[in-house]
Each structure stands twice: as structure tokens, then as C-alpha cells.
């Protein structure tokens, strides 16, 4: 995924991290459409996708680790789901083992 070059100057790492931290503050409302587990995992997937899009900018700002920590705090009880998600991205060379030392790969 490539970010829009016109957005490069507008990227604010602190605000991005705050936005990630605010993801779990949305309320689970629509029990008719999905379960609470699906809602939590959807939140994590959205957060991960945002980090992927802005990974280079986060690296430049030296805030990638802060973004990963914010992802881990979104729904701590879904750490295994997050780990699997990030492990797949490591295998695709989006992130490195050095960037995700808490992820163990087989």
C-alpha cells in the first residue's frame, strides 16, 4: 500500500498514535450483525491496516514501536489474534523481526 504523497506533510505521529489508542473507545452496538469477538478483531484489523499504510512515516518519526504498543493495548485479550496478524505481515516482509521482537515465528 502506498500513501498519497500529498498526505506526507500532514502526517502527525502523535495524533496517529492517539487515534490508535482511541479505537477501543468505540462501543460494541450491533449484536445483530456481528459478535463482540468479531467487533474486537475488526478493531485490531483496522488498526493494523493503518499502521501498514503509515509504516514508513512511523519509522522515519521513530514511532513504529509506539504504534505497535498502542495496537497491543486496543484489546489485550485478543493478543493472540494480533500476534498472528503481525506474524503474517513479517512473512510478507512488511515488518522485520527487529521491529516485532515479541512475535515468535516458527
N, C-alpha and C. Protein backbone atom coordinates (compact mmCIF):
# COMPACT_ATOMS: atom_id res chain seq x y z
N UNK A 1 0.84 -1.17 0.00
CA UNK A 1 0.00 0.00 0.00
C UNK A 1 0.89 1.24 0.00
N UNK A 2 0.58 2.15 -0.84
CA UNK A 2 1.33 3.39 -0.89
C UNK A 2 0.48 4.52 -0.37
N UNK A 3 1.11 5.37 0.43
CA UNK A 3 0.35 6.52 0.92
C UNK A 3 0.40 7.62 -0.12
N UNK A 4 -0.57 8.46 -0.10
CA UNK A 4 -0.67 9.59 -1.01
C UNK A 4 0.43 10.60 -0.67
N UNK A 5 1.31 10.95 -1.63
CA UNK A 5 2.41 11.89 -1.35
C UNK A 5 1.92 13.22 -0.79
N UNK A 6 0.75 13.66 -1.17
CA UNK A 6 0.25 14.94 -0.66
C UNK A 6 -0.07 14.85 0.83
N UNK A 7 -0.25 13.63 1.34
CA UNK A 7 -0.54 13.44 2.76
C UNK A 7 0.74 13.37 3.60
N UNK A 8 1.88 13.26 2.94
CA UNK A 8 3.15 13.08 3.63
C UNK A 8 3.42 14.21 4.63
N UNK A 9 3.18 15.45 4.23
CA UNK A 9 3.45 16.58 5.10
C UNK A 9 2.43 16.67 6.24
N UNK A 10 1.25 16.12 6.03
CA UNK A 10 0.18 16.24 7.00
C UNK A 10 0.25 15.19 8.11
N UNK A 11 1.07 14.18 7.95
CA UNK A 11 1.13 13.10 8.92
C UNK A 11 1.66 13.61 10.26
N UNK A 12 0.91 13.34 11.30
CA UNK A 12 1.29 13.74 12.65
C UNK A 12 1.38 12.48 13.51
N UNK A 13 2.61 12.02 13.78
CA UNK A 13 2.77 10.75 14.51
C UNK A 13 2.04 10.72 15.86
N UNK A 14 2.10 11.80 16.62
CA UNK A 14 1.44 11.81 17.93
C UNK A 14 -0.06 11.62 17.79
N UNK A 15 -0.64 12.31 16.84
CA UNK A 15 -2.08 12.18 16.63
C UNK A 15 -2.44 10.78 16.13
N UNK A 16 -1.60 10.23 15.25
CA UNK A 16 -1.83 8.88 14.75
C UNK A 16 -1.86 7.88 15.91
N UNK A 17 -0.88 7.97 16.81
CA UNK A 17 -0.82 7.07 17.96
C UNK A 17 -2.05 7.27 18.85
N UNK A 18 -2.42 8.51 19.08
CA UNK A 18 -3.63 8.79 19.89
C UNK A 18 -4.87 8.18 19.24
N UNK A 19 -4.97 8.30 17.92
CA UNK A 19 -6.12 7.72 17.21
C UNK A 19 -6.16 6.20 17.38
N UNK A 20 -4.98 5.55 17.33
CA UNK A 20 -4.94 4.10 17.57
C UNK A 20 -5.44 3.79 18.99
N UNK A 21 -4.98 4.57 19.95
CA UNK A 21 -5.38 4.34 21.35
C UNK A 21 -6.87 4.54 21.56
N UNK A 22 -7.49 5.36 20.73
CA UNK A 22 -8.92 5.63 20.87
C UNK A 22 -9.82 4.59 20.21
N UNK A 23 -9.25 3.69 19.43
CA UNK A 23 -10.06 2.68 18.74
C UNK A 23 -10.96 1.90 19.70
N UNK A 24 -10.45 1.41 20.83
CA UNK A 24 -11.34 0.60 21.69
C UNK A 24 -12.41 1.41 22.41
N UNK A 25 -12.37 2.71 22.30
CA UNK A 25 -13.37 3.54 22.98
C UNK A 25 -14.71 3.56 22.23
N UNK A 26 -14.70 3.03 21.01
CA UNK A 26 -15.98 2.90 20.31
C UNK A 26 -16.77 1.80 21.02
N UNK A 27 -18.05 1.91 21.04
CA UNK A 27 -18.87 0.93 21.76
C UNK A 27 -19.33 -0.18 20.83
N UNK A 28 -19.41 -1.38 21.39
CA UNK A 28 -19.98 -2.51 20.68
C UNK A 28 -21.49 -2.34 20.71
N UNK A 29 -22.09 -2.18 19.53
CA UNK A 29 -23.52 -1.87 19.46
C UNK A 29 -24.36 -2.85 18.68
N UNK A 30 -23.84 -3.37 17.62
CA UNK A 30 -24.69 -4.05 16.64
C UNK A 30 -24.63 -5.58 16.78
N UNK A 31 -25.25 -6.10 17.84
CA UNK A 31 -25.24 -7.54 18.08
C UNK A 31 -25.93 -8.32 16.97
N UNK A 32 -26.77 -7.65 16.21
CA UNK A 32 -27.47 -8.32 15.11
C UNK A 32 -26.52 -8.68 13.97
N UNK A 33 -25.49 -7.87 13.77
CA UNK A 33 -24.60 -8.04 12.62
C UNK A 33 -23.36 -8.86 12.93
N UNK A 34 -22.82 -8.73 14.13
CA UNK A 34 -21.59 -9.45 14.45
C UNK A 34 -21.46 -9.63 15.96
N UNK A 35 -20.60 -10.57 16.33
CA UNK A 35 -20.38 -10.84 17.75
C UNK A 35 -19.38 -9.84 18.31
N UNK A 36 -19.27 -9.81 19.62
CA UNK A 36 -18.30 -8.91 20.25
C UNK A 36 -16.87 -9.30 19.87
N UNK A 37 -16.59 -10.59 19.72
CA UNK A 37 -15.26 -11.04 19.29
C UNK A 37 -14.97 -10.50 17.89
N UNK A 38 -15.93 -10.61 16.99
CA UNK A 38 -15.74 -10.07 15.63
C UNK A 38 -15.50 -8.57 15.66
N UNK A 39 -16.20 -7.87 16.54
CA UNK A 39 -16.03 -6.42 16.68
C UNK A 39 -14.62 -6.10 17.16
N UNK A 40 -14.14 -6.82 18.19
CA UNK A 40 -12.78 -6.57 18.71
C UNK A 40 -11.74 -6.85 17.63
N UNK A 41 -11.90 -7.95 16.93
CA UNK A 41 -10.93 -8.32 15.90
C UNK A 41 -10.99 -7.35 14.72
N UNK A 42 -12.16 -6.85 14.42
CA UNK A 42 -12.29 -5.82 13.38
C UNK A 42 -11.55 -4.56 13.78
N UNK A 43 -11.65 -4.17 15.05
CA UNK A 43 -10.90 -3.02 15.54
C UNK A 43 -9.40 -3.22 15.35
N UNK A 44 -8.92 -4.40 15.72
CA UNK A 44 -7.49 -4.68 15.58
C UNK A 44 -7.07 -4.68 14.11
N UNK A 45 -7.87 -5.29 13.26
CA UNK A 45 -7.55 -5.33 11.84
C UNK A 45 -7.47 -3.92 11.26
N UNK A 46 -8.40 -3.07 11.63
CA UNK A 46 -8.37 -1.67 11.17
C UNK A 46 -7.10 -0.98 11.66
N UNK A 47 -6.76 -1.18 12.92
CA UNK A 47 -5.54 -0.57 13.46
C UNK A 47 -4.29 -1.05 12.74
N UNK A 48 -4.20 -2.35 12.51
CA UNK A 48 -3.04 -2.91 11.81
C UNK A 48 -2.95 -2.35 10.39
N UNK A 49 -4.07 -2.28 9.69
CA UNK A 49 -4.07 -1.74 8.33
C UNK A 49 -3.56 -0.30 8.31
N UNK A 50 -3.97 0.49 9.29
CA UNK A 50 -3.50 1.88 9.37
C UNK A 50 -2.00 1.94 9.61
N UNK A 51 -1.49 1.07 10.47
CA UNK A 51 -0.05 1.05 10.73
C UNK A 51 0.71 0.64 9.48
N UNK A 52 0.19 -0.33 8.72
CA UNK A 52 0.84 -0.75 7.48
C UNK A 52 0.92 0.43 6.50
N UNK A 53 -0.17 1.15 6.34
CA UNK A 53 -0.20 2.28 5.40
C UNK A 53 0.85 3.33 5.78
N UNK A 54 0.99 3.59 7.07
CA UNK A 54 1.89 4.65 7.52
C UNK A 54 3.20 4.13 8.12
N UNK A 55 3.55 2.88 7.86
CA UNK A 55 4.74 2.28 8.45
C UNK A 55 6.01 3.08 8.16
N UNK A 56 6.20 3.51 6.93
CA UNK A 56 7.41 4.26 6.60
C UNK A 56 7.48 5.58 7.36
N UNK A 57 6.36 6.26 7.45
CA UNK A 57 6.32 7.54 8.19
C UNK A 57 6.57 7.29 9.68
N UNK A 58 6.01 6.22 10.21
CA UNK A 58 6.24 5.89 11.62
C UNK A 58 7.70 5.54 11.86
N UNK A 59 8.32 4.84 10.92
CA UNK A 59 9.75 4.53 11.04
C UNK A 59 10.58 5.81 11.03
N UNK A 60 10.27 6.70 10.09
CA UNK A 60 11.01 7.98 10.00
C UNK A 60 10.90 8.78 11.29
N UNK A 61 9.73 8.76 11.89
CA UNK A 61 9.48 9.52 13.12
C UNK A 61 9.92 8.74 14.36
N UNK A 62 10.43 7.53 14.14
CA UNK A 62 10.83 6.64 15.23
C UNK A 62 9.68 6.39 16.21
N UNK A 63 8.50 6.15 15.65
CA UNK A 63 7.29 5.92 16.46
C UNK A 63 6.62 4.59 16.14
N UNK A 64 7.28 3.74 15.34
CA UNK A 64 6.67 2.46 14.98
C UNK A 64 6.41 1.60 16.23
N UNK A 65 7.37 1.58 17.15
CA UNK A 65 7.19 0.79 18.37
C UNK A 65 6.01 1.31 19.20
N UNK A 66 5.84 2.63 19.22
CA UNK A 66 4.69 3.20 19.92
C UNK A 66 3.38 2.75 19.28
N UNK A 67 3.38 2.66 17.97
CA UNK A 67 2.18 2.21 17.26
C UNK A 67 1.88 0.75 17.60
N UNK A 68 2.93 -0.09 17.63
CA UNK A 68 2.72 -1.50 17.99
C UNK A 68 2.20 -1.63 19.42
N UNK A 69 2.74 -0.83 20.32
CA UNK A 69 2.28 -0.88 21.72
C UNK A 69 0.81 -0.44 21.80
N UNK A 70 0.45 0.57 21.04
CA UNK A 70 -0.95 1.01 21.02
C UNK A 70 -1.85 -0.10 20.49
N UNK A 71 -1.39 -0.82 19.46
CA UNK A 71 -2.17 -1.95 18.93
C UNK A 71 -2.38 -3.01 20.01
N UNK A 72 -1.32 -3.28 20.76
CA UNK A 72 -1.42 -4.30 21.81
C UNK A 72 -2.39 -3.90 22.91
N UNK A 73 -2.59 -2.62 23.09
CA UNK A 73 -3.48 -2.13 24.15
C UNK A 73 -4.94 -2.01 23.71
N UNK A 74 -5.20 -2.10 22.42
CA UNK A 74 -6.58 -1.94 21.93
C UNK A 74 -7.50 -2.96 22.60
N UNK A 75 -7.17 -4.22 22.48
CA UNK A 75 -7.94 -5.29 23.13
C UNK A 75 -6.93 -6.34 23.61
N UNK A 76 -6.39 -6.17 24.81
CA UNK A 76 -5.34 -7.08 25.31
C UNK A 76 -5.74 -8.56 25.28
N UNK A 77 -7.02 -8.85 25.42
CA UNK A 77 -7.46 -10.24 25.40
C UNK A 77 -7.44 -10.84 23.99
N UNK A 78 -7.13 -10.05 22.99
CA UNK A 78 -7.01 -10.54 21.61
C UNK A 78 -5.56 -10.51 21.14
N UNK A 79 -4.62 -10.60 22.08
CA UNK A 79 -3.19 -10.56 21.76
C UNK A 79 -2.80 -11.66 20.77
N UNK A 80 -3.35 -12.85 20.93
CA UNK A 80 -3.02 -13.95 20.02
C UNK A 80 -3.46 -13.64 18.59
N UNK A 81 -4.65 -13.10 18.42
CA UNK A 81 -5.13 -12.70 17.10
C UNK A 81 -4.20 -11.65 16.49
N UNK A 82 -3.82 -10.66 17.29
CA UNK A 82 -2.91 -9.61 16.82
C UNK A 82 -1.56 -10.21 16.44
N UNK A 83 -1.05 -11.11 17.26
CA UNK A 83 0.25 -11.73 17.00
C UNK A 83 0.22 -12.48 15.67
N UNK A 84 -0.83 -13.24 15.41
CA UNK A 84 -0.95 -13.99 14.15
C UNK A 84 -1.00 -13.02 12.97
N UNK A 85 -1.75 -11.96 13.13
CA UNK A 85 -1.88 -10.94 12.08
C UNK A 85 -0.50 -10.33 11.75
N UNK A 86 0.24 -9.94 12.78
CA UNK A 86 1.54 -9.31 12.57
C UNK A 86 2.58 -10.31 12.08
N UNK A 87 2.47 -11.55 12.52
CA UNK A 87 3.38 -12.59 12.05
C UNK A 87 3.24 -12.77 10.54
N UNK A 88 2.01 -12.75 10.05
CA UNK A 88 1.78 -12.86 8.60
C UNK A 88 2.43 -11.69 7.86
N UNK A 89 2.36 -10.51 8.45
CA UNK A 89 2.97 -9.34 7.81
C UNK A 89 4.50 -9.42 7.84
N UNK A 90 5.06 -10.05 8.87
CA UNK A 90 6.51 -10.27 8.90
C UNK A 90 6.91 -11.21 7.77
N UNK A 91 6.13 -12.25 7.56
CA UNK A 91 6.43 -13.21 6.49
C UNK A 91 6.37 -12.55 5.12
N UNK A 92 5.56 -11.50 5.00
CA UNK A 92 5.46 -10.75 3.74
C UNK A 92 6.47 -9.60 3.69
N UNK A 93 7.33 -9.53 4.69
CA UNK A 93 8.40 -8.53 4.77
C UNK A 93 7.89 -7.09 4.90
N UNK A 94 6.71 -6.93 5.48
CA UNK A 94 6.20 -5.59 5.76
C UNK A 94 6.89 -5.05 7.00
N UNK A 95 7.07 -5.94 8.00
CA UNK A 95 7.77 -5.60 9.23
C UNK A 95 8.88 -6.61 9.45
N UNK A 96 9.90 -6.21 10.20
CA UNK A 96 11.03 -7.10 10.46
C UNK A 96 10.94 -7.70 11.86
N UNK A 97 11.71 -8.75 12.06
CA UNK A 97 11.79 -9.38 13.39
C UNK A 97 12.30 -8.36 14.41
N UNK A 98 13.23 -7.51 14.01
CA UNK A 98 13.74 -6.48 14.93
C UNK A 98 12.65 -5.51 15.35
N UNK A 99 11.71 -5.25 14.47
CA UNK A 99 10.62 -4.34 14.79
C UNK A 99 9.56 -4.99 15.67
N UNK A 100 9.51 -6.32 15.63
CA UNK A 100 8.50 -7.06 16.40
C UNK A 100 9.16 -8.16 17.23
N UNK A 101 10.04 -7.81 18.16
CA UNK A 101 10.76 -8.84 18.91
C UNK A 101 9.85 -9.71 19.79
N UNK A 102 8.68 -9.24 20.10
CA UNK A 102 7.74 -10.00 20.95
C UNK A 102 6.95 -11.04 20.15
N UNK A 103 7.15 -11.06 18.83
CA UNK A 103 6.49 -12.06 17.97
C UNK A 103 7.47 -13.20 17.74
N UNK A 104 7.04 -14.41 18.07
CA UNK A 104 7.90 -15.57 17.81
C UNK A 104 7.38 -16.29 16.59
N UNK A 105 8.27 -16.60 15.68
CA UNK A 105 7.88 -17.31 14.46
C UNK A 105 8.47 -18.71 14.50
N UNK A 106 7.77 -19.61 13.81
CA UNK A 106 8.25 -20.99 13.76
C UNK A 106 9.23 -21.16 12.63
